[in-house]
Amino acid sequence: MSTPESHDVRRWTLLTNHARLMLLIAKQPGIKIKDLAIAAGVTERTAQAILKDLEVAGYISKQKVGRQNKYTVDHALPFRHPAESDHNVGELIEIFQVLTRDKPAA
């Protein structure tokens, strides 16, 4: 009989790094790439590549404010996959904002 400990466990999450970074930006539009990377558990280089993907696809826009960037998420854009394309990213952001509001303080 096999046990969970006897198998290699694949690590995965329900949200992609793209979704995770977009949610972080929606919460903190002025967040630095270094802090995004740390919060998402990716390298700064990966965070930069993801931000570029999101920007090229129109999900985020970037505005230079002094020496920093301020990001804006376009809440109206639909999910890219046909199975979810009847929903927009604003719905996902709202879900996480509600969950964060309802979360008891530690």
PDB file of N, CA and C in Angstrom:
ATOM      1  N   MET A   1       0.855  -1.180   0.000  1.00  0.00           N
ATOM      2  CA  MET A   1       0.000   0.000   0.000  1.00  0.00           C
ATOM      3  C   MET A   1       0.894   1.234   0.000  1.00  0.00           C
ATOM      4  N   SER A   2       0.571   2.185  -0.825  1.00  0.00           N
ATOM      5  CA  SER A   2       1.394   3.391  -0.891  1.00  0.00           C
ATOM      6  C   SER A   2       0.834   4.467   0.022  1.00  0.00           C
ATOM      7  N   THR A   3       1.708   5.318   0.463  1.00  0.00           N
ATOM      8  CA  THR A   3       1.315   6.447   1.314  1.00  0.00           C
ATOM      9  C   THR A   3       1.677   7.728   0.593  1.00  0.00           C
ATOM     10  N   PRO A   4       1.047   8.821   0.975  1.00  0.00           N
ATOM     11  CA  PRO A   4       1.388  10.098   0.333  1.00  0.00           C
ATOM     12  C   PRO A   4       2.874  10.424   0.446  1.00  0.00           C
ATOM     13  N   GLU A   5       3.494  10.009   1.547  1.00  0.00           N
ATOM     14  CA  GLU A   5       4.911  10.311   1.740  1.00  0.00           C
ATOM     15  C   GLU A   5       5.803   9.519   0.787  1.00  0.00           C
ATOM     16  N   SER A   6       5.288   8.398   0.256  1.00  0.00           N
ATOM     17  CA  SER A   6       6.120   7.559  -0.604  1.00  0.00           C
ATOM     18  C   SER A   6       6.159   8.041  -2.051  1.00  0.00           C
ATOM     19  N   HIS A   7       5.336   8.995  -2.389  1.00  0.00           N
ATOM     20  CA  HIS A   7       5.298   9.536  -3.751  1.00  0.00           C
ATOM     21  C   HIS A   7       5.875  10.944  -3.767  1.00  0.00           C
ATOM     22  N   ASP A   8       6.500  11.274  -4.891  1.00  0.00           N
ATOM     23  CA  ASP A   8       6.914  12.660  -5.062  1.00  0.00           C
ATOM     24  C   ASP A   8       5.660  13.503  -5.223  1.00  0.00           C
ATOM     25  N   VAL A   9       5.574  14.549  -4.449  1.00  0.00           N
ATOM     26  CA  VAL A   9       4.399  15.414  -4.508  1.00  0.00           C
ATOM     27  C   VAL A   9       4.701  16.577  -5.444  1.00  0.00           C
ATOM     28  N   ARG A  10       3.885  16.709  -6.482  1.00  0.00           N
ATOM     29  CA  ARG A  10       4.031  17.850  -7.389  1.00  0.00           C
ATOM     30  C   ARG A  10       3.461  19.066  -6.714  1.00  0.00           C
ATOM     31  N   ARG A  11       4.223  20.111  -6.710  1.00  0.00           N
ATOM     32  CA  ARG A  11       3.736  21.358  -6.121  1.00  0.00           C
ATOM     33  C   ARG A  11       3.068  22.188  -7.206  1.00  0.00           C
ATOM     34  N   TRP A  12       1.838  22.613  -6.912  1.00  0.00           N
ATOM     35  CA  TRP A  12       1.113  23.459  -7.847  1.00  0.00           C
ATOM     36  C   TRP A  12       0.118  24.295  -7.064  1.00  0.00           C
ATOM     37  N   THR A  13      -0.367  25.337  -7.688  1.00  0.00           N
ATOM     38  CA  THR A  13      -1.355  26.204  -7.056  1.00  0.00           C
ATOM     39  C   THR A  13      -2.512  26.412  -8.020  1.00  0.00           C
ATOM     40  N   LEU A  14      -3.638  26.832  -7.501  1.00  0.00           N
ATOM     41  CA  LEU A  14      -4.810  27.052  -8.345  1.00  0.00           C
ATOM     42  C   LEU A  14      -4.691  28.322  -9.180  1.00  0.00           C
ATOM     43  N   LEU A  15      -3.988  29.313  -8.670  1.00  0.00           N
ATOM     44  CA  LEU A  15      -3.799  30.554  -9.421  1.00  0.00           C
ATOM     45  C   LEU A  15      -2.449  30.544 -10.117  1.00  0.00           C
ATOM     46  N   THR A  16      -2.422  31.057 -11.327  1.00  0.00           N
ATOM     47  CA  THR A  16      -1.147  31.193 -12.020  1.00  0.00           C
ATOM     48  C   THR A  16      -0.395  32.384 -11.441  1.00  0.00           C
ATOM     49  N   ASN A  17       0.886  32.461 -11.737  1.00  0.00           N
ATOM     50  CA  ASN A  17       1.669  33.620 -11.306  1.00  0.00           C
ATOM     51  C   ASN A  17       1.145  34.897 -11.950  1.00  0.00           C
ATOM     52  N   HIS A  18       0.608  34.800 -13.159  1.00  0.00           N
ATOM     53  CA  HIS A  18       0.033  35.972 -13.819  1.00  0.00           C
ATOM     54  C   HIS A  18      -1.149  36.509 -13.004  1.00  0.00           C
ATOM     55  N   ALA A  19      -2.034  35.620 -12.597  1.00  0.00           N
ATOM     56  CA  ALA A  19      -3.189  36.037 -11.795  1.00  0.00           C
ATOM     57  C   ALA A  19      -2.727  36.583 -10.451  1.00  0.00           C
ATOM     58  N   ARG A  20      -1.761  35.920  -9.854  1.00  0.00           N
ATOM     59  CA  ARG A  20      -1.273  36.352  -8.541  1.00  0.00           C
ATOM     60  C   ARG A  20      -0.697  37.770  -8.614  1.00  0.00           C
ATOM     61  N   LEU A  21       0.124  38.052  -9.629  1.00  0.00           N
ATOM     62  CA  LEU A  21       0.699  39.389  -9.756  1.00  0.00           C
ATOM     63  C   LEU A  21      -0.378  40.423 -10.051  1.00  0.00           C
ATOM     64  N   MET A  22      -1.361  40.066 -10.866  1.00  0.00           N
ATOM     65  CA  MET A  22      -2.431  41.004 -11.178  1.00  0.00           C
ATOM     66  C   MET A  22      -3.226  41.336  -9.910  1.00  0.00           C
ATOM     67  N   LEU A  23      -3.497  40.345  -9.075  1.00  0.00           N
ATOM     68  CA  LEU A  23      -4.210  40.589  -7.821  1.00  0.00           C
ATOM     69  C   LEU A  23      -3.385  41.473  -6.884  1.00  0.00           C
ATOM     70  N   LEU A  24      -2.087  41.240  -6.824  1.00  0.00           N
ATOM     71  CA  LEU A  24      -1.222  42.073  -5.984  1.00  0.00           C
ATOM     72  C   LEU A  24      -1.213  43.514  -6.474  1.00  0.00           C
ATOM     73  N   ILE A  25      -1.172  43.704  -7.794  1.00  0.00           N
ATOM     74  CA  ILE A  25      -1.172  45.051  -8.368  1.00  0.00           C
ATOM     75  C   ILE A  25      -2.513  45.736  -8.099  1.00  0.00           C
ATOM     76  N   ALA A  26      -3.601  44.995  -8.201  1.00  0.00           N
ATOM     77  CA  ALA A  26      -4.917  45.587  -7.928  1.00  0.00           C
ATOM     78  C   ALA A  26      -4.992  46.073  -6.487  1.00  0.00           C
ATOM     79  N   LYS A  27      -4.336  45.354  -5.600  1.00  0.00           N
ATOM     80  CA  LYS A  27      -4.343  45.721  -4.181  1.00  0.00           C
ATOM     81  C   LYS A  27      -3.376  46.854  -3.878  1.00  0.00           C
ATOM     82  N   GLN A  28      -2.213  46.867  -4.556  1.00  0.00           N
ATOM     83  CA  GLN A  28      -1.163  47.868  -4.313  1.00  0.00           C
ATOM     84  C   GLN A  28      -0.618  48.370  -5.652  1.00  0.00           C
ATOM     85  N   PRO A  29      -1.281  49.341  -6.289  1.00  0.00           N
ATOM     86  CA  PRO A  29      -0.872  49.808  -7.612  1.00  0.00           C
ATOM     87  C   PRO A  29       0.565  50.348  -7.693  1.00  0.00           C
ATOM     88  N   GLY A  30       1.109  50.820  -6.603  1.00  0.00           N
ATOM     89  CA  GLY A  30       2.463  51.374  -6.621  1.00  0.00           C
ATOM     90  C   GLY A  30       3.528  50.406  -6.143  1.00  0.00           C
ATOM     91  N   ILE A  31       3.191  49.129  -6.038  1.00  0.00           N
ATOM     92  CA  ILE A  31       4.135  48.142  -5.526  1.00  0.00           C
ATOM     93  C   ILE A  31       5.356  48.023  -6.443  1.00  0.00           C
ATOM     94  N   LYS A  32       6.525  47.854  -5.842  1.00  0.00           N
ATOM     95  CA  LYS A  32       7.769  47.711  -6.597  1.00  0.00           C
ATOM     96  C   LYS A  32       7.897  46.282  -7.105  1.00  0.00           C
ATOM     97  N   ILE A  33       8.594  46.117  -8.226  1.00  0.00           N
ATOM     98  CA  ILE A  33       8.785  44.791  -8.813  1.00  0.00           C
ATOM     99  C   ILE A  33       9.433  43.843  -7.813  1.00  0.00           C
ATOM    100  N   LYS A  34      10.396  44.334  -7.069  1.00  0.00           N
ATOM    101  CA  LYS A  34      11.066  43.484  -6.075  1.00  0.00           C
ATOM    102  C   LYS A  34      10.058  42.952  -5.058  1.00  0.00           C
ATOM    103  N   ASP A  35       9.161  43.822  -4.587  1.00  0.00           N
ATOM    104  CA  ASP A  35       8.159  43.409  -3.608  1.00  0.00           C
ATOM    105  C   ASP A  35       7.107  42.486  -4.225  1.00  0.00           C
ATOM    106  N   LEU A  36       6.768  42.731  -5.491  1.00  0.00           N
ATOM    107  CA  LEU A  36       5.858  41.834  -6.211  1.00  0.00           C
ATOM    108  C   LEU A  36       6.448  40.433  -6.277  1.00  0.00           C
ATOM    109  N   ALA A  37       7.711  40.380  -6.657  1.00  0.00           N
ATOM    110  CA  ALA A  37       8.396  39.096  -6.791  1.00  0.00           C
ATOM    111  C   ALA A  37       8.409  38.344  -5.466  1.00  0.00           C
ATOM    112  N   ILE A  38       8.749  39.047  -4.400  1.00  0.00           N
ATOM    113  CA  ILE A  38       8.795  38.414  -3.079  1.00  0.00           C
ATOM    114  C   ILE A  38       7.409  37.896  -2.688  1.00  0.00           C
ATOM    115  N   ALA A  39       6.385  38.736  -2.848  1.00  0.00           N
ATOM    116  CA  ALA A  39       5.027  38.358  -2.457  1.00  0.00           C
ATOM    117  C   ALA A  39       4.502  37.174  -3.270  1.00  0.00           C
ATOM    118  N   ALA A  40       4.897  37.100  -4.539  1.00  0.00           N
ATOM    119  CA  ALA A  40       4.417  36.029  -5.409  1.00  0.00           C
ATOM    120  C   ALA A  40       5.305  34.795  -5.372  1.00  0.00           C
ATOM    121  N   GLY A  41       6.484  34.928  -4.772  1.00  0.00           N
ATOM    122  CA  GLY A  41       7.388  33.788  -4.701  1.00  0.00           C
ATOM    123  C   GLY A  41       8.066  33.473  -6.019  1.00  0.00           C
ATOM    124  N   VAL A  42       8.349  34.534  -6.798  1.00  0.00           N
ATOM    125  CA  VAL A  42       9.048  34.369  -8.077  1.00  0.00           C
ATOM    126  C   VAL A  42      10.271  35.282  -8.088  1.00  0.00           C
ATOM    127  N   THR A  43      11.115  35.103  -9.071  1.00  0.00           N
ATOM    128  CA  THR A  43      12.274  35.980  -9.203  1.00  0.00           C
ATOM    129  C   THR A  43      11.841  37.322  -9.778  1.00  0.00           C
ATOM    130  N   GLU A  44      12.683  38.327  -9.604  1.00  0.00           N
ATOM    131  CA  GLU A  44      12.372  39.641 -10.181  1.00  0.00           C
ATOM    132  C   GLU A  44      12.285  39.548 -11.699  1.00  0.00           C
ATOM    133  N   ARG A  45      13.144  38.756 -12.295  1.00  0.00           N
ATOM    134  CA  ARG A  45      13.133  38.591 -13.750  1.00  0.00           C
ATOM    135  C   ARG A  45      11.811  37.988 -14.213  1.00  0.00           C
ATOM    136  N   THR A  46      11.322  36.986 -13.473  1.00  0.00           N
ATOM    137  CA  THR A  46      10.038  36.370 -13.803  1.00  0.00           C
ATOM    138  C   THR A  46       8.909  37.377 -13.626  1.00  0.00           C
ATOM    139  N   ALA A  47       8.946  38.150 -12.553  1.00  0.00           N
ATOM    140  CA  ALA A  47       7.929  39.177 -12.319  1.00  0.00           C
ATOM    141  C   ALA A  47       7.919  40.189 -13.462  1.00  0.00           C
ATOM    142  N   GLN A  48       9.094  40.606 -13.918  1.00  0.00           N
ATOM    143  CA  GLN A  48       9.175  41.551 -15.037  1.00  0.00           C
ATOM    144  C   GLN A  48       8.564  40.960 -16.297  1.00  0.00           C
ATOM    145  N   ALA A  49       8.849  39.691 -16.562  1.00  0.00           N
ATOM    146  CA  ALA A  49       8.309  39.033 -17.755  1.00  0.00           C
ATOM    147  C   ALA A  49       6.786  38.922 -17.668  1.00  0.00           C
ATOM    148  N   ILE A  50       6.279  38.592 -16.500  1.00  0.00           N
ATOM    149  CA  ILE A  50       4.830  38.484 -16.311  1.00  0.00           C
ATOM    150  C   ILE A  50       4.168  39.851 -16.478  1.00  0.00           C
ATOM    151  N   LEU A  51       4.771  40.886 -15.891  1.00  0.00           N
ATOM    152  CA  LEU A  51       4.220  42.237 -16.048  1.00  0.00           C
ATOM    153  C   LEU A  51       4.170  42.628 -17.516  1.00  0.00           C
ATOM    154  N   LYS A  52       5.203  42.275 -18.262  1.00  0.00           N
ATOM    155  CA  LYS A  52       5.236  42.576 -19.696  1.00  0.00           C
ATOM    156  C   LYS A  52       4.107  41.841 -20.419  1.00  0.00           C
ATOM    157  N   ASP A  53       3.913  40.547 -20.083  1.00  0.00           N
ATOM    158  CA  ASP A  53       2.811  39.777 -20.673  1.00  0.00           C
ATOM    159  C   ASP A  53       1.470  40.452 -20.402  1.00  0.00           C
ATOM    160  N   LEU A  54       1.251  40.830 -19.144  1.00  0.00           N
ATOM    161  CA  LEU A  54      -0.016  41.453 -18.758  1.00  0.00           C
ATOM    162  C   LEU A  54      -0.213  42.800 -19.439  1.00  0.00           C
ATOM    163  N   GLU A  55       0.886  43.541 -19.583  1.00  0.00           N
ATOM    164  CA  GLU A  55       0.806  44.853 -20.230  1.00  0.00           C
ATOM    165  C   GLU A  55       0.519  44.710 -21.728  1.00  0.00           C
ATOM    166  N   VAL A  56       1.213  43.816 -22.393  1.00  0.00           N
ATOM    167  CA  VAL A  56       1.011  43.604 -23.833  1.00  0.00           C
ATOM    168  C   VAL A  56      -0.420  43.143 -24.118  1.00  0.00           C
ATOM    169  N   ALA A  57      -0.966  42.303 -23.226  1.00  0.00           N
ATOM    170  CA  ALA A  57      -2.336  41.803 -23.397  1.00  0.00           C
ATOM    171  C   ALA A  57      -3.389  42.831 -22.988  1.00  0.00           C
ATOM    172  N   GLY A  58      -2.969  43.939 -22.372  1.00  0.00           N
ATOM    173  CA  GLY A  58      -3.899  44.995 -21.996  1.00  0.00           C
ATOM    174  C   GLY A  58      -4.499  44.858 -20.604  1.00  0.00           C
ATOM    175  N   TYR A  59      -4.100  43.839 -19.855  1.00  0.00           N
ATOM    176  CA  TYR A  59      -4.662  43.641 -18.517  1.00  0.00           C
ATOM    177  C   TYR A  59      -4.170  44.682 -17.525  1.00  0.00           C
ATOM    178  N   ILE A  60      -2.953  45.174 -17.720  1.00  0.00           N
ATOM    179  CA  ILE A  60      -2.447  46.247 -16.874  1.00  0.00           C
ATOM    180  C   ILE A  60      -1.853  47.333 -17.755  1.00  0.00           C
ATOM    181  N   SER A  61      -1.825  48.537 -17.219  1.00  0.00           N
ATOM    182  CA  SER A  61      -1.101  49.627 -17.866  1.00  0.00           C
ATOM    183  C   SER A  61      -0.147  50.193 -16.831  1.00  0.00           C
ATOM    184  N   LYS A  62       0.920  50.783 -17.328  1.00  0.00           N
ATOM    185  CA  LYS A  62       1.977  51.285 -16.455  1.00  0.00           C
ATOM    186  C   LYS A  62       2.145  52.774 -16.690  1.00  0.00           C
ATOM    187  N   GLN A  63       2.241  53.512 -15.604  1.00  0.00           N
ATOM    188  CA  GLN A  63       2.469  54.952 -15.677  1.00  0.00           C
ATOM    189  C   GLN A  63       3.666  55.273 -14.784  1.00  0.00           C
ATOM    190  N   LYS A  64       4.589  56.038 -15.323  1.00  0.00           N
ATOM    191  CA  LYS A  64       5.757  56.460 -14.549  1.00  0.00           C
ATOM    192  C   LYS A  64       5.356  57.610 -13.635  1.00  0.00           C
ATOM    193  N   VAL A  65       5.611  57.450 -12.338  1.00  0.00           N
ATOM    194  CA  VAL A  65       5.339  58.490 -11.349  1.00  0.00           C
ATOM    195  C   VAL A  65       6.656  58.729 -10.619  1.00  0.00           C
ATOM    196  N   GLY A  66       7.319  59.818 -11.008  1.00  0.00           N
ATOM    197  CA  GLY A  66       8.658  60.052 -10.455  1.00  0.00           C
ATOM    198  C   GLY A  66       9.597  58.956 -10.925  1.00  0.00           C
ATOM    199  N   ARG A  67      10.224  58.284  -9.984  1.00  0.00           N
ATOM    200  CA  ARG A  67      11.147  57.200 -10.333  1.00  0.00           C
ATOM    201  C   ARG A  67      10.492  55.826 -10.238  1.00  0.00           C
ATOM    202  N   GLN A  68       9.212  55.797  -9.889  1.00  0.00           N
ATOM    203  CA  GLN A  68       8.516  54.526  -9.726  1.00  0.00           C
ATOM    204  C   GLN A  68       7.419  54.368 -10.766  1.00  0.00           C
ATOM    205  N   ASN A  69       6.952  53.142 -10.901  1.00  0.00           N
ATOM    206  CA  ASN A  69       5.838  52.848 -11.783  1.00  0.00           C
ATOM    207  C   ASN A  69       4.577  52.666 -10.961  1.00  0.00           C
ATOM    208  N   LYS A  70       3.469  53.117 -11.528  1.00  0.00           N
ATOM    209  CA  LYS A  70       2.162  52.862 -10.934  1.00  0.00           C
ATOM    210  C   LYS A  70       1.394  52.051 -11.967  1.00  0.00           C
ATOM    211  N   TYR A  71       0.826  50.955 -11.505  1.00  0.00           N
ATOM    212  CA  TYR A  71       0.116  50.056 -12.401  1.00  0.00           C
ATOM    213  C   TYR A  71      -1.388  50.189 -12.201  1.00  0.00           C
ATOM    214  N   THR A  72      -2.121  49.988 -13.293  1.00  0.00           N
ATOM    215  CA  THR A  72      -3.577  50.000 -13.258  1.00  0.00           C
ATOM    216  C   THR A  72      -4.069  48.733 -13.935  1.00  0.00           C
ATOM    217  N   VAL A  73      -5.018  48.056 -13.308  1.00  0.00           N
ATOM    218  CA  VAL A  73      -5.600  46.843 -13.886  1.00  0.00           C
ATOM    219  C   VAL A  73      -6.880  47.228 -14.617  1.00  0.00           C
ATOM    220  N   ASP A  74      -7.051  46.709 -15.825  1.00  0.00           N
ATOM    221  CA  ASP A  74      -8.295  46.911 -16.576  1.00  0.00           C
ATOM    222  C   ASP A  74      -9.274  45.829 -16.132  1.00  0.00           C
ATOM    223  N   HIS A  75     -10.179  46.185 -15.262  1.00  0.00           N
ATOM    224  CA  HIS A  75     -11.121  45.229 -14.672  1.00  0.00           C
ATOM    225  C   HIS A  75     -12.113  44.667 -15.692  1.00  0.00           C
ATOM    226  N   ALA A  76     -12.292  45.347 -16.818  1.00  0.00           N
ATOM    227  CA  ALA A  76     -13.318  44.946 -17.786  1.00  0.00           C
ATOM    228  C   ALA A  76     -12.870  43.842 -18.738  1.00  0.00           C
ATOM    229  N   LEU A  77     -11.575  43.582 -18.819  1.00  0.00           N
ATOM    230  CA  LEU A  77     -11.112  42.574 -19.777  1.00  0.00           C
ATOM    231  C   LEU A  77     -11.526  41.169 -19.349  1.00  0.00           C
ATOM    232  N   PRO A  78     -11.942  40.355 -20.321  1.00  0.00           N
ATOM    233  CA  PRO A  78     -12.357  38.987 -20.000  1.00  0.00           C
ATOM    234  C   PRO A  78     -11.141  38.077 -19.772  1.00  0.00           C
ATOM    235  N   PHE A  79     -11.401  36.951 -19.119  1.00  0.00           N
ATOM    236  CA  PHE A  79     -10.368  35.928 -19.008  1.00  0.00           C
ATOM    237  C   PHE A  79     -10.021  35.443 -20.409  1.00  0.00           C
ATOM    238  N   ARG A  80      -8.805  34.985 -20.586  1.00  0.00           N
ATOM    239  CA  ARG A  80      -8.330  34.582 -21.911  1.00  0.00           C
ATOM    240  C   ARG A  80      -8.838  33.220 -22.350  1.00  0.00           C
ATOM    241  N   HIS A  81      -9.024  32.304 -21.432  1.00  0.00           N
ATOM    242  CA  HIS A  81      -9.438  30.951 -21.807  1.00  0.00           C
ATOM    243  C   HIS A  81     -10.925  30.942 -22.163  1.00  0.00           C
ATOM    244  N   PRO A  82     -11.303  30.263 -23.258  1.00  0.00           N
ATOM    245  CA  PRO A  82     -12.712  30.254 -23.670  1.00  0.00           C
ATOM    246  C   PRO A  82     -13.676  29.770 -22.587  1.00  0.00           C
ATOM    247  N   ALA A  83     -13.240  28.880 -21.717  1.00  0.00           N
ATOM    248  CA  ALA A  83     -14.125  28.356 -20.668  1.00  0.00           C
ATOM    249  C   ALA A  83     -14.519  29.424 -19.654  1.00  0.00           C
ATOM    250  N   GLU A  84     -13.678  30.460 -19.501  1.00  0.00           N
ATOM    251  CA  GLU A  84     -13.967  31.536 -18.538  1.00  0.00           C
ATOM    252  C   GLU A  84     -14.173  32.884 -19.206  1.00  0.00           C
ATOM    253  N   SER A  85     -14.198  32.928 -20.521  1.00  0.00           N
ATOM    254  CA  SER A  85     -14.213  34.210 -21.230  1.00  0.00           C
ATOM    255  C   SER A  85     -15.492  35.027 -21.026  1.00  0.00           C
ATOM    256  N   ASP A  86     -16.512  34.422 -20.430  1.00  0.00           N
ATOM    257  CA  ASP A  86     -17.718  35.199 -20.142  1.00  0.00           C
ATOM    258  C   ASP A  86     -17.616  35.914 -18.796  1.00  0.00           C
ATOM    259  N   HIS A  87     -16.448  35.824 -18.157  1.00  0.00           N
ATOM    260  CA  HIS A  87     -16.170  36.536 -16.905  1.00  0.00           C
ATOM    261  C   HIS A  87     -15.008  37.501 -17.127  1.00  0.00           C
ATOM    262  N   ASN A  88     -15.023  38.607 -16.391  1.00  0.00           N
ATOM    263  CA  ASN A  88     -13.913  39.550 -16.527  1.00  0.00           C
ATOM    264  C   ASN A  88     -13.016  39.489 -15.286  1.00  0.00           C
ATOM    265  N   VAL A  89     -11.818  40.014 -15.421  1.00  0.00           N
ATOM    266  CA  VAL A  89     -10.853  39.939 -14.322  1.00  0.00           C
ATOM    267  C   VAL A  89     -11.299  40.745 -13.114  1.00  0.00           C
ATOM    268  N   GLY A  90     -12.138  41.727 -13.321  1.00  0.00           N
ATOM    269  CA  GLY A  90     -12.667  42.503 -12.205  1.00  0.00           C
ATOM    270  C   GLY A  90     -13.451  41.634 -11.225  1.00  0.00           C
ATOM    271  N   GLU A  91     -14.104  40.604 -11.739  1.00  0.00           N
ATOM    272  CA  GLU A  91     -14.840  39.686 -10.869  1.00  0.00           C
ATOM    273  C   GLU A  91     -13.891  38.940  -9.935  1.00  0.00           C
ATOM    274  N   LEU A  92     -12.773  38.484 -10.468  1.00  0.00           N
ATOM    275  CA  LEU A  92     -11.772  37.791  -9.650  1.00  0.00           C
ATOM    276  C   LEU A  92     -11.192  38.732  -8.600  1.00  0.00           C
ATOM    277  N   ILE A  93     -10.880  39.937  -9.009  1.00  0.00           N
ATOM    278  CA  ILE A  93     -10.332  40.925  -8.084  1.00  0.00           C
ATOM    279  C   ILE A  93     -11.331  41.209  -6.971  1.00  0.00           C
ATOM    280  N   GLU A  94     -12.599  41.352  -7.329  1.00  0.00           N
ATOM    281  CA  GLU A  94     -13.639  41.615  -6.326  1.00  0.00           C
ATOM    282  C   GLU A  94     -13.748  40.470  -5.325  1.00  0.00           C
ATOM    283  N   ILE A  95     -13.668  39.245  -5.795  1.00  0.00           N
ATOM    284  CA  ILE A  95     -13.730  38.087  -4.897  1.00  0.00           C
ATOM    285  C   ILE A  95     -12.614  38.167  -3.859  1.00  0.00           C
ATOM    286  N   PHE A  96     -11.408  38.443  -4.313  1.00  0.00           N
ATOM    287  CA  PHE A  96     -10.284  38.493  -3.384  1.00  0.00           C
ATOM    288  C   PHE A  96     -10.351  39.711  -2.462  1.00  0.00           C
ATOM    289  N   GLN A  97     -10.899  40.817  -2.951  1.00  0.00           N
ATOM    290  CA  GLN A  97     -11.066  41.982  -2.084  1.00  0.00           C
ATOM    291  C   GLN A  97     -12.085  41.703  -0.991  1.00  0.00           C
ATOM    292  N   VAL A  98     -13.155  41.025  -1.327  1.00  0.00           N
ATOM    293  CA  VAL A  98     -14.172  40.661  -0.346  1.00  0.00           C
ATOM    294  C   VAL A  98     -13.563  39.703   0.681  1.00  0.00           C
ATOM    295  N   LEU A  99     -12.825  38.716   0.215  1.00  0.00           N
ATOM    296  CA  LEU A  99     -12.201  37.756   1.125  1.00  0.00           C
ATOM    297  C   LEU A  99     -11.225  38.436   2.064  1.00  0.00           C
ATOM    298  N   THR A 100     -10.494  39.412   1.556  1.00  0.00           N
ATOM    299  CA  THR A 100      -9.526  40.133   2.380  1.00  0.00           C
ATOM    300  C   THR A 100     -10.243  41.004   3.416  1.00  0.00           C
ATOM    301  N   ARG A 101     -11.333  41.650   3.007  1.00  0.00           N
ATOM    302  CA  ARG A 101     -12.111  42.481   3.934  1.00  0.00           C
ATOM    303  C   ARG A 101     -12.710  41.654   5.056  1.00  0.00           C
ATOM    304  N   ASP A 102     -13.169  40.442   4.715  1.00  0.00           N
ATOM    305  CA  ASP A 102     -13.854  39.589   5.686  1.00  0.00           C
ATOM    306  C   ASP A 102     -12.883  38.784   6.569  1.00  0.00           C
ATOM    307  N   LYS A 103     -11.610  38.840   6.233  1.00  0.00           N
ATOM    308  CA  LYS A 103     -10.620  38.062   6.978  1.00  0.00           C
ATOM    309  C   LYS A 103     -10.362  38.713   8.326  1.00  0.00           C
ATOM    310  N   PRO A 104     -10.438  37.949   9.407  1.00  0.00           N
ATOM    311  CA  PRO A 104     -10.169  38.532  10.735  1.00  0.00           C
ATOM    312  C   PRO A 104      -8.715  38.931  10.867  1.00  0.00           C
ATOM    313  N   ALA A 105      -8.476  40.003  11.613  1.00  0.00           N
ATOM    314  CA  ALA A 105      -7.100  40.459  11.839  1.00  0.00           C
ATOM    315  C   ALA A 105      -6.356  39.427  12.661  1.00  0.00           C
ATOM    316  N   ALA A 106      -5.084  39.251  12.324  1.00  0.00           N
ATOM    317  CA  ALA A 106      -4.268  38.260  13.038  1.00  0.00           C
ATOM    318  C   ALA A 106      -3.790  38.789  14.369  1.00  0.00           C
TER     319      ALA A 106
END
